[in-house]
Amino acid sequence: MAGHAPRPFASRMHVVLVVLMLVSFALIAQQRVKVLYQVGFLVLIASTFAQIVFGNIAPTAGFAKSMRQLGLGLAIIAAVFGLGAVLTPVLVNLGR
């Protein structure tokens, strides 16, 4: 199509991530090949974390801005999980 601008990167990633999640569900649902199940599970985890971040990025964002925000978002997710791992034993011991 002449004159049709390509979709921004973040907008395309939203679609790609939804498709990846659907494919990972199909891989998890199959019961024949364990390796496909394992791959599906890992793809689901990765695409879910990426979707959490990309759900908060404007669909009009370009590649560079999307990658900066993805890095920041994944760092925040890692910090929350890390803080949870560090604080859980402390909080459990407080209850004793």
PDB file of N, CA and C in Angstrom:
ATOM      1  N   MET A   1       0.832  -1.184   0.000  1.00  0.00           N
ATOM      2  CA  MET A   1       0.000   0.000   0.000  1.00  0.00           C
ATOM      3  C   MET A   1       0.874   1.244   0.000  1.00  0.00           C
ATOM      4  N   ALA A   2       0.730   2.058  -0.981  1.00  0.00           N
ATOM      5  CA  ALA A   2       1.518   3.272  -1.095  1.00  0.00           C
ATOM      6  C   ALA A   2       1.073   4.280  -0.050  1.00  0.00           C
ATOM      7  N   GLY A   3       2.049   4.896   0.638  1.00  0.00           N
ATOM      8  CA  GLY A   3       1.730   5.924   1.607  1.00  0.00           C
ATOM      9  C   GLY A   3       1.315   5.401   2.970  1.00  0.00           C
ATOM     10  N   HIS A   4       1.300   4.084   3.129  1.00  0.00           N
ATOM     11  CA  HIS A   4       0.884   3.506   4.412  1.00  0.00           C
ATOM     12  C   HIS A   4       2.099   3.358   5.317  1.00  0.00           C
ATOM     13  N   ALA A   5       2.073   4.051   6.455  1.00  0.00           N
ATOM     14  CA  ALA A   5       3.197   3.997   7.391  1.00  0.00           C
ATOM     15  C   ALA A   5       3.176   2.674   8.160  1.00  0.00           C
ATOM     16  N   PRO A   6       4.339   2.089   8.413  1.00  0.00           N
ATOM     17  CA  PRO A   6       4.374   0.847   9.196  1.00  0.00           C
ATOM     18  C   PRO A   6       3.941   1.116  10.635  1.00  0.00           C
ATOM     19  N   ARG A   7       3.419   0.079  11.277  1.00  0.00           N
ATOM     20  CA  ARG A   7       3.004   0.207  12.667  1.00  0.00           C
ATOM     21  C   ARG A   7       4.236   0.414  13.543  1.00  0.00           C
ATOM     22  N   PRO A   8       4.094   1.208  14.600  1.00  0.00           N
ATOM     23  CA  PRO A   8       5.219   1.401  15.526  1.00  0.00           C
ATOM     24  C   PRO A   8       5.629   0.075  16.175  1.00  0.00           C
ATOM     25  N   PHE A   9       6.880   0.020  16.604  1.00  0.00           N
ATOM     26  CA  PHE A   9       7.445  -1.203  17.170  1.00  0.00           C
ATOM     27  C   PHE A   9       6.619  -1.736  18.334  1.00  0.00           C
ATOM     28  N   ALA A  10       6.267  -0.872  19.288  1.00  0.00           N
ATOM     29  CA  ALA A  10       5.540  -1.323  20.480  1.00  0.00           C
ATOM     30  C   ALA A  10       4.192  -1.929  20.097  1.00  0.00           C
ATOM     31  N   SER A  11       3.542  -1.360  19.123  1.00  0.00           N
ATOM     32  CA  SER A  11       2.256  -1.883  18.662  1.00  0.00           C
ATOM     33  C   SER A  11       2.412  -3.288  18.074  1.00  0.00           C
ATOM     34  N   ARG A  12       3.470  -3.484  17.293  1.00  0.00           N
ATOM     35  CA  ARG A  12       3.727  -4.813  16.729  1.00  0.00           C
ATOM     36  C   ARG A  12       4.082  -5.813  17.817  1.00  0.00           C
ATOM     37  N   MET A  13       4.840  -5.368  18.832  1.00  0.00           N
ATOM     38  CA  MET A  13       5.226  -6.269  19.919  1.00  0.00           C
ATOM     39  C   MET A  13       4.024  -6.738  20.727  1.00  0.00           C
ATOM     40  N   HIS A  14       3.034  -5.882  20.897  1.00  0.00           N
ATOM     41  CA  HIS A  14       1.810  -6.292  21.597  1.00  0.00           C
ATOM     42  C   HIS A  14       1.201  -7.506  20.901  1.00  0.00           C
ATOM     43  N   VAL A  15       1.116  -7.441  19.587  1.00  0.00           N
ATOM     44  CA  VAL A  15       0.538  -8.544  18.805  1.00  0.00           C
ATOM     45  C   VAL A  15       1.421  -9.783  18.886  1.00  0.00           C
ATOM     46  N   VAL A  16       2.736  -9.602  18.729  1.00  0.00           N
ATOM     47  CA  VAL A  16       3.670 -10.730  18.778  1.00  0.00           C
ATOM     48  C   VAL A  16       3.591 -11.439  20.130  1.00  0.00           C
ATOM     49  N   LEU A  17       3.520 -10.684  21.205  1.00  0.00           N
ATOM     50  CA  LEU A  17       3.478 -11.283  22.533  1.00  0.00           C
ATOM     51  C   LEU A  17       2.180 -12.068  22.767  1.00  0.00           C
ATOM     52  N   VAL A  18       1.076 -11.560  22.290  1.00  0.00           N
ATOM     53  CA  VAL A  18      -0.189 -12.291  22.424  1.00  0.00           C
ATOM     54  C   VAL A  18      -0.125 -13.597  21.639  1.00  0.00           C
ATOM     55  N   VAL A  19       0.429 -13.552  20.434  1.00  0.00           N
ATOM     56  CA  VAL A  19       0.573 -14.766  19.627  1.00  0.00           C
ATOM     57  C   VAL A  19       1.506 -15.755  20.317  1.00  0.00           C
ATOM     58  N   LEU A  20       2.622 -15.268  20.859  1.00  0.00           N
ATOM     59  CA  LEU A  20       3.554 -16.148  21.580  1.00  0.00           C
ATOM     60  C   LEU A  20       2.875 -16.821  22.771  1.00  0.00           C
ATOM     61  N   MET A  21       2.059 -16.073  23.485  1.00  0.00           N
ATOM     62  CA  MET A  21       1.362 -16.667  24.631  1.00  0.00           C
ATOM     63  C   MET A  21       0.371 -17.736  24.176  1.00  0.00           C
ATOM     64  N   LEU A  22      -0.335 -17.486  23.095  1.00  0.00           N
ATOM     65  CA  LEU A  22      -1.274 -18.486  22.574  1.00  0.00           C
ATOM     66  C   LEU A  22      -0.539 -19.748  22.126  1.00  0.00           C
ATOM     67  N   VAL A  23       0.593 -19.577  21.457  1.00  0.00           N
ATOM     68  CA  VAL A  23       1.391 -20.728  21.024  1.00  0.00           C
ATOM     69  C   VAL A  23       1.913 -21.488  22.239  1.00  0.00           C
ATOM     70  N   SER A  24       2.356 -20.759  23.257  1.00  0.00           N
ATOM     71  CA  SER A  24       2.868 -21.438  24.453  1.00  0.00           C
ATOM     72  C   SER A  24       1.770 -22.217  25.161  1.00  0.00           C
ATOM     73  N   PHE A  25       0.545 -21.702  25.179  1.00  0.00           N
ATOM     74  CA  PHE A  25      -0.577 -22.450  25.758  1.00  0.00           C
ATOM     75  C   PHE A  25      -0.799 -23.751  24.995  1.00  0.00           C
ATOM     76  N   ALA A  26      -0.707 -23.685  23.666  1.00  0.00           N
ATOM     77  CA  ALA A  26      -0.881 -24.891  22.854  1.00  0.00           C
ATOM     78  C   ALA A  26       0.227 -25.899  23.142  1.00  0.00           C
ATOM     79  N   LEU A  27       1.455 -25.428  23.297  1.00  0.00           N
ATOM     80  CA  LEU A  27       2.562 -26.336  23.610  1.00  0.00           C
ATOM     81  C   LEU A  27       2.393 -26.961  24.994  1.00  0.00           C
ATOM     82  N   ILE A  28       1.893 -26.190  25.936  1.00  0.00           N
ATOM     83  CA  ILE A  28       1.675 -26.720  27.278  1.00  0.00           C
ATOM     84  C   ILE A  28       0.523 -27.723  27.280  1.00  0.00           C
ATOM     85  N   ALA A  29      -0.480 -27.479  26.475  1.00  0.00           N
ATOM     86  CA  ALA A  29      -1.672 -28.339  26.456  1.00  0.00           C
ATOM     87  C   ALA A  29      -1.400 -29.712  25.833  1.00  0.00           C
ATOM     88  N   GLN A  30      -0.448 -29.779  24.903  1.00  0.00           N
ATOM     89  CA  GLN A  30      -0.169 -31.085  24.281  1.00  0.00           C
ATOM     90  C   GLN A  30       0.465 -32.001  25.321  1.00  0.00           C
ATOM     91  N   GLN A  31       0.193 -33.276  25.225  1.00  0.00           N
ATOM     92  CA  GLN A  31       0.632 -34.213  26.257  1.00  0.00           C
ATOM     93  C   GLN A  31       1.606 -35.276  25.754  1.00  0.00           C
ATOM     94  N   ARG A  32       2.102 -35.134  24.555  1.00  0.00           N
ATOM     95  CA  ARG A  32       2.951 -36.176  23.976  1.00  0.00           C
ATOM     96  C   ARG A  32       4.444 -35.956  24.179  1.00  0.00           C
ATOM     97  N   VAL A  33       4.912 -34.734  23.985  1.00  0.00           N
ATOM     98  CA  VAL A  33       6.347 -34.466  23.991  1.00  0.00           C
ATOM     99  C   VAL A  33       6.684 -33.538  25.164  1.00  0.00           C
ATOM    100  N   LYS A  34       7.463 -34.068  26.099  1.00  0.00           N
ATOM    101  CA  LYS A  34       7.807 -33.315  27.303  1.00  0.00           C
ATOM    102  C   LYS A  34       8.620 -32.061  26.978  1.00  0.00           C
ATOM    103  N   VAL A  35       9.528 -32.152  26.012  1.00  0.00           N
ATOM    104  CA  VAL A  35      10.367 -31.010  25.649  1.00  0.00           C
ATOM    105  C   VAL A  35       9.504 -29.857  25.124  1.00  0.00           C
ATOM    106  N   LEU A  36       8.468 -30.169  24.344  1.00  0.00           N
ATOM    107  CA  LEU A  36       7.578 -29.110  23.851  1.00  0.00           C
ATOM    108  C   LEU A  36       6.843 -28.443  25.007  1.00  0.00           C
ATOM    109  N   TYR A  37       6.427 -29.240  25.986  1.00  0.00           N
ATOM    110  CA  TYR A  37       5.791 -28.691  27.183  1.00  0.00           C
ATOM    111  C   TYR A  37       6.753 -27.741  27.893  1.00  0.00           C
ATOM    112  N   GLN A  38       8.017 -28.169  28.066  1.00  0.00           N
ATOM    113  CA  GLN A  38       9.000 -27.349  28.763  1.00  0.00           C
ATOM    114  C   GLN A  38       9.281 -26.048  28.004  1.00  0.00           C
ATOM    115  N   VAL A  39       9.399 -26.144  26.692  1.00  0.00           N
ATOM    116  CA  VAL A  39       9.624 -24.949  25.871  1.00  0.00           C
ATOM    117  C   VAL A  39       8.419 -24.015  25.983  1.00  0.00           C
ATOM    118  N   GLY A  40       7.218 -24.575  25.892  1.00  0.00           N
ATOM    119  CA  GLY A  40       6.004 -23.774  26.017  1.00  0.00           C
ATOM    120  C   GLY A  40       5.931 -23.058  27.348  1.00  0.00           C
ATOM    121  N   PHE A  41       6.318 -23.756  28.406  1.00  0.00           N
ATOM    122  CA  PHE A  41       6.290 -23.164  29.747  1.00  0.00           C
ATOM    123  C   PHE A  41       7.271 -21.996  29.845  1.00  0.00           C
ATOM    124  N   LEU A  42       8.491 -22.181  29.333  1.00  0.00           N
ATOM    125  CA  LEU A  42       9.489 -21.109  29.368  1.00  0.00           C
ATOM    126  C   LEU A  42       9.072 -19.918  28.501  1.00  0.00           C
ATOM    127  N   VAL A  43       8.501 -20.209  27.327  1.00  0.00           N
ATOM    128  CA  VAL A  43       8.037 -19.129  26.447  1.00  0.00           C
ATOM    129  C   VAL A  43       6.890 -18.371  27.117  1.00  0.00           C
ATOM    130  N   LEU A  44       6.015 -19.090  27.812  1.00  0.00           N
ATOM    131  CA  LEU A  44       4.909 -18.431  28.511  1.00  0.00           C
ATOM    132  C   LEU A  44       5.430 -17.502  29.605  1.00  0.00           C
ATOM    133  N   ILE A  45       6.399 -17.953  30.367  1.00  0.00           N
ATOM    134  CA  ILE A  45       6.962 -17.113  31.423  1.00  0.00           C
ATOM    135  C   ILE A  45       7.605 -15.862  30.827  1.00  0.00           C
ATOM    136  N   ALA A  46       8.444 -16.044  29.817  1.00  0.00           N
ATOM    137  CA  ALA A  46       9.144 -14.910  29.205  1.00  0.00           C
ATOM    138  C   ALA A  46       8.165 -13.932  28.551  1.00  0.00           C
ATOM    139  N   SER A  47       7.202 -14.464  27.805  1.00  0.00           N
ATOM    140  CA  SER A  47       6.259 -13.575  27.119  1.00  0.00           C
ATOM    141  C   SER A  47       5.327 -12.879  28.104  1.00  0.00           C
ATOM    142  N   THR A  48       5.034 -13.513  29.226  1.00  0.00           N
ATOM    143  CA  THR A  48       4.198 -12.877  30.242  1.00  0.00           C
ATOM    144  C   THR A  48       4.924 -11.692  30.873  1.00  0.00           C
ATOM    145  N   PHE A  49       6.198 -11.892  31.243  1.00  0.00           N
ATOM    146  CA  PHE A  49       6.955 -10.775  31.806  1.00  0.00           C
ATOM    147  C   PHE A  49       7.085  -9.638  30.790  1.00  0.00           C
ATOM    148  N   ALA A  50       7.363  -9.975  29.540  1.00  0.00           N
ATOM    149  CA  ALA A  50       7.468  -8.943  28.507  1.00  0.00           C
ATOM    150  C   ALA A  50       6.127  -8.241  28.303  1.00  0.00           C
ATOM    151  N   GLN A  51       5.027  -8.985  28.358  1.00  0.00           N
ATOM    152  CA  GLN A  51       3.701  -8.384  28.175  1.00  0.00           C
ATOM    153  C   GLN A  51       3.355  -7.465  29.341  1.00  0.00           C
ATOM    154  N   ILE A  52       3.775  -7.825  30.551  1.00  0.00           N
ATOM    155  CA  ILE A  52       3.550  -6.945  31.702  1.00  0.00           C
ATOM    156  C   ILE A  52       4.182  -5.584  31.422  1.00  0.00           C
ATOM    157  N   VAL A  53       5.402  -5.599  30.904  1.00  0.00           N
ATOM    158  CA  VAL A  53       6.090  -4.341  30.613  1.00  0.00           C
ATOM    159  C   VAL A  53       5.461  -3.652  29.409  1.00  0.00           C
ATOM    160  N   PHE A  54       5.267  -4.385  28.309  1.00  0.00           N
ATOM    161  CA  PHE A  54       4.741  -3.753  27.089  1.00  0.00           C
ATOM    162  C   PHE A  54       3.299  -3.288  27.263  1.00  0.00           C
ATOM    163  N   GLY A  55       2.596  -3.830  28.230  1.00  0.00           N
ATOM    164  CA  GLY A  55       1.250  -3.342  28.525  1.00  0.00           C
ATOM    165  C   GLY A  55       1.274  -1.930  29.081  1.00  0.00           C
ATOM    166  N   ASN A  56       2.428  -1.491  29.554  1.00  0.00           N
ATOM    167  CA  ASN A  56       2.580  -0.148  30.109  1.00  0.00           C
ATOM    168  C   ASN A  56       3.375   0.780  29.197  1.00  0.00           C
ATOM    169  N   ILE A  57       3.681   0.326  27.999  1.00  0.00           N
ATOM    170  CA  ILE A  57       4.381   1.148  27.010  1.00  0.00           C
ATOM    171  C   ILE A  57       3.361   1.604  25.978  1.00  0.00           C
ATOM    172  N   ALA A  58       3.419   2.864  25.633  1.00  0.00           N
ATOM    173  CA  ALA A  58       2.490   3.399  24.630  1.00  0.00           C
ATOM    174  C   ALA A  58       2.675   2.658  23.304  1.00  0.00           C
ATOM    175  N   PRO A  59       1.575   2.274  22.647  1.00  0.00           N
ATOM    176  CA  PRO A  59       1.689   1.559  21.364  1.00  0.00           C
ATOM    177  C   PRO A  59       2.397   2.361  20.287  1.00  0.00           C
ATOM    178  N   THR A  60       2.524   3.648  20.471  1.00  0.00           N
ATOM    179  CA  THR A  60       3.174   4.499  19.476  1.00  0.00           C
ATOM    180  C   THR A  60       4.689   4.581  19.675  1.00  0.00           C
ATOM    181  N   ALA A  61       5.203   3.952  20.720  1.00  0.00           N
ATOM    182  CA  ALA A  61       6.642   4.029  21.025  1.00  0.00           C
ATOM    183  C   ALA A  61       7.458   3.305  19.957  1.00  0.00           C
ATOM    184  N   GLY A  62       8.602   3.893  19.652  1.00  0.00           N
ATOM    185  CA  GLY A  62       9.521   3.286  18.688  1.00  0.00           C
ATOM    186  C   GLY A  62      10.393   2.238  19.357  1.00  0.00           C
ATOM    187  N   PHE A  63      11.332   1.686  18.585  1.00  0.00           N
ATOM    188  CA  PHE A  63      12.189   0.608  19.067  1.00  0.00           C
ATOM    189  C   PHE A  63      13.049   1.039  20.253  1.00  0.00           C
ATOM    190  N   ALA A  64      13.757   2.165  20.120  1.00  0.00           N
ATOM    191  CA  ALA A  64      14.693   2.593  21.177  1.00  0.00           C
ATOM    192  C   ALA A  64      13.959   2.852  22.487  1.00  0.00           C
ATOM    193  N   LYS A  65      12.863   3.581  22.427  1.00  0.00           N
ATOM    194  CA  LYS A  65      12.098   3.883  23.643  1.00  0.00           C
ATOM    195  C   LYS A  65      11.526   2.599  24.238  1.00  0.00           C
ATOM    196  N   SER A  66      11.042   1.707  23.399  1.00  0.00           N
ATOM    197  CA  SER A  66      10.491   0.441  23.885  1.00  0.00           C
ATOM    198  C   SER A  66      11.552  -0.386  24.594  1.00  0.00           C
ATOM    199  N   MET A  67      12.762  -0.442  24.037  1.00  0.00           N
ATOM    200  CA  MET A  67      13.834  -1.229  24.648  1.00  0.00           C
ATOM    201  C   MET A  67      14.284  -0.623  25.988  1.00  0.00           C
ATOM    202  N   ARG A  68      14.339   0.716  26.055  1.00  0.00           N
ATOM    203  CA  ARG A  68      14.693   1.361  27.326  1.00  0.00           C
ATOM    204  C   ARG A  68      13.644   1.031  28.388  1.00  0.00           C
ATOM    205  N   GLN A  69      12.385   1.150  28.028  1.00  0.00           N
ATOM    206  CA  GLN A  69      11.317   0.879  28.991  1.00  0.00           C
ATOM    207  C   GLN A  69      11.231  -0.607  29.322  1.00  0.00           C
ATOM    208  N   LEU A  70      11.533  -1.472  28.359  1.00  0.00           N
ATOM    209  CA  LEU A  70      11.560  -2.913  28.632  1.00  0.00           C
ATOM    210  C   LEU A  70      12.653  -3.230  29.645  1.00  0.00           C
ATOM    211  N   GLY A  71      13.850  -2.662  29.461  1.00  0.00           N
ATOM    212  CA  GLY A  71      14.938  -2.877  30.407  1.00  0.00           C
ATOM    213  C   GLY A  71      14.576  -2.392  31.799  1.00  0.00           C
ATOM    214  N   LEU A  72      13.998  -1.207  31.886  1.00  0.00           N
ATOM    215  CA  LEU A  72      13.584  -0.660  33.180  1.00  0.00           C
ATOM    216  C   LEU A  72      12.497  -1.528  33.815  1.00  0.00           C
ATOM    217  N   GLY A  73      11.520  -1.923  33.026  1.00  0.00           N
ATOM    218  CA  GLY A  73      10.426  -2.746  33.542  1.00  0.00           C
ATOM    219  C   GLY A  73      10.893  -4.100  34.029  1.00  0.00           C
ATOM    220  N   LEU A  74      11.774  -4.741  33.280  1.00  0.00           N
ATOM    221  CA  LEU A  74      12.293  -6.044  33.704  1.00  0.00           C
ATOM    222  C   LEU A  74      13.175  -5.907  34.947  1.00  0.00           C
ATOM    223  N   ALA A  75      13.896  -4.793  35.058  1.00  0.00           N
ATOM    224  CA  ALA A  75      14.692  -4.546  36.269  1.00  0.00           C
ATOM    225  C   ALA A  75      13.781  -4.384  37.481  1.00  0.00           C
ATOM    226  N   ILE A  76      12.667  -3.702  37.307  1.00  0.00           N
ATOM    227  CA  ILE A  76      11.709  -3.536  38.404  1.00  0.00           C
ATOM    228  C   ILE A  76      11.122  -4.884  38.806  1.00  0.00           C
ATOM    229  N   ILE A  77      10.752  -5.702  37.824  1.00  0.00           N
ATOM    230  CA  ILE A  77      10.212  -7.035  38.114  1.00  0.00           C
ATOM    231  C   ILE A  77      11.251  -7.874  38.860  1.00  0.00           C
ATOM    232  N   ALA A  78      12.499  -7.835  38.398  1.00  0.00           N
ATOM    233  CA  ALA A  78      13.568  -8.589  39.061  1.00  0.00           C
ATOM    234  C   ALA A  78      13.772  -8.089  40.493  1.00  0.00           C
ATOM    235  N   ALA A  79      13.699  -6.783  40.692  1.00  0.00           N
ATOM    236  CA  ALA A  79      13.871  -6.218  42.037  1.00  0.00           C
ATOM    237  C   ALA A  79      12.742  -6.659  42.964  1.00  0.00           C
ATOM    238  N   VAL A  80      11.526  -6.689  42.459  1.00  0.00           N
ATOM    239  CA  VAL A  80      10.387  -7.125  43.280  1.00  0.00           C
ATOM    240  C   VAL A  80      10.556  -8.584  43.682  1.00  0.00           C
ATOM    241  N   PHE A  81      10.926  -9.443  42.718  1.00  0.00           N
ATOM    242  CA  PHE A  81      11.145 -10.859  43.039  1.00  0.00           C
ATOM    243  C   PHE A  81      12.321 -11.024  43.999  1.00  0.00           C
ATOM    244  N   GLY A  82      13.404 -10.294  43.769  1.00  0.00           N
ATOM    245  CA  GLY A  82      14.568 -10.373  44.648  1.00  0.00           C
ATOM    246  C   GLY A  82      14.245  -9.901  46.052  1.00  0.00           C
ATOM    247  N   LEU A  83      13.531  -8.801  46.158  1.00  0.00           N
ATOM    248  CA  LEU A  83      13.135  -8.285  47.463  1.00  0.00           C
ATOM    249  C   LEU A  83      12.234  -9.284  48.184  1.00  0.00           C
ATOM    250  N   GLY A  84      11.346  -9.905  47.434  1.00  0.00           N
ATOM    251  CA  GLY A  84      10.481 -10.933  48.025  1.00  0.00           C
ATOM    252  C   GLY A  84      11.280 -12.106  48.552  1.00  0.00           C
ATOM    253  N   ALA A  85      12.287 -12.525  47.804  1.00  0.00           N
ATOM    254  CA  ALA A  85      13.123 -13.657  48.234  1.00  0.00           C
ATOM    255  C   ALA A  85      13.929 -13.311  49.478  1.00  0.00           C
ATOM    256  N   VAL A  86      14.384 -12.063  49.575  1.00  0.00           N
ATOM    257  CA  VAL A  86      15.175 -11.645  50.728  1.00  0.00           C
ATOM    258  C   VAL A  86      14.287 -11.423  51.954  1.00  0.00           C
ATOM    259  N   LEU A  87      13.130 -10.827  51.760  1.00  0.00           N
ATOM    260  CA  LEU A  87      12.274 -10.475  52.892  1.00  0.00           C
ATOM    261  C   LEU A  87      11.447 -11.638  53.436  1.00  0.00           C
ATOM    262  N   THR A  88      11.165 -12.633  52.623  1.00  0.00           N
ATOM    263  CA  THR A  88      10.316 -13.734  53.076  1.00  0.00           C
ATOM    264  C   THR A  88      10.863 -14.418  54.329  1.00  0.00           C
ATOM    265  N   PRO A  89      12.136 -14.830  54.380  1.00  0.00           N
ATOM    266  CA  PRO A  89      12.624 -15.458  55.616  1.00  0.00           C
ATOM    267  C   PRO A  89      12.567 -14.522  56.830  1.00  0.00           C
ATOM    268  N   VAL A  90      12.827 -13.244  56.592  1.00  0.00           N
ATOM    269  CA  VAL A  90      12.785 -12.271  57.685  1.00  0.00           C
ATOM    270  C   VAL A  90      11.372 -12.173  58.238  1.00  0.00           C
ATOM    271  N   LEU A  91      10.398 -12.068  57.360  1.00  0.00           N
ATOM    272  CA  LEU A  91       9.006 -11.943  57.790  1.00  0.00           C
ATOM    273  C   LEU A  91       8.507 -13.226  58.450  1.00  0.00           C
ATOM    274  N   VAL A  92       8.950 -14.372  57.973  1.00  0.00           N
ATOM    275  CA  VAL A  92       8.567 -15.647  58.588  1.00  0.00           C
ATOM    276  C   VAL A  92       9.115 -15.716  60.007  1.00  0.00           C
ATOM    277  N   ASN A  93      10.366 -15.278  60.200  1.00  0.00           N
ATOM    278  CA  ASN A  93      10.981 -15.304  61.523  1.00  0.00           C
ATOM    279  C   ASN A  93      10.331 -14.305  62.486  1.00  0.00           C
ATOM    280  N   LEU A  94       9.782 -13.219  61.953  1.00  0.00           N
ATOM    281  CA  LEU A  94       9.084 -12.260  62.813  1.00  0.00           C
ATOM    282  C   LEU A  94       7.839 -12.875  63.428  1.00  0.00           C
ATOM    283  N   GLY A  95       7.223 -13.790  62.695  1.00  0.00           N
ATOM    284  CA  GLY A  95       5.992 -14.418  63.163  1.00  0.00           C
ATOM    285  C   GLY A  95       6.237 -15.512  64.189  1.00  0.00           C
ATOM    286  N   ARG A  96       7.457 -15.875  64.441  1.00  0.00           N
ATOM    287  CA  ARG A  96       7.757 -16.957  65.381  1.00  0.00           C
ATOM    288  C   ARG A  96       7.942 -16.454  66.773  1.00  0.00           C
TER     289      ARG A  96
END
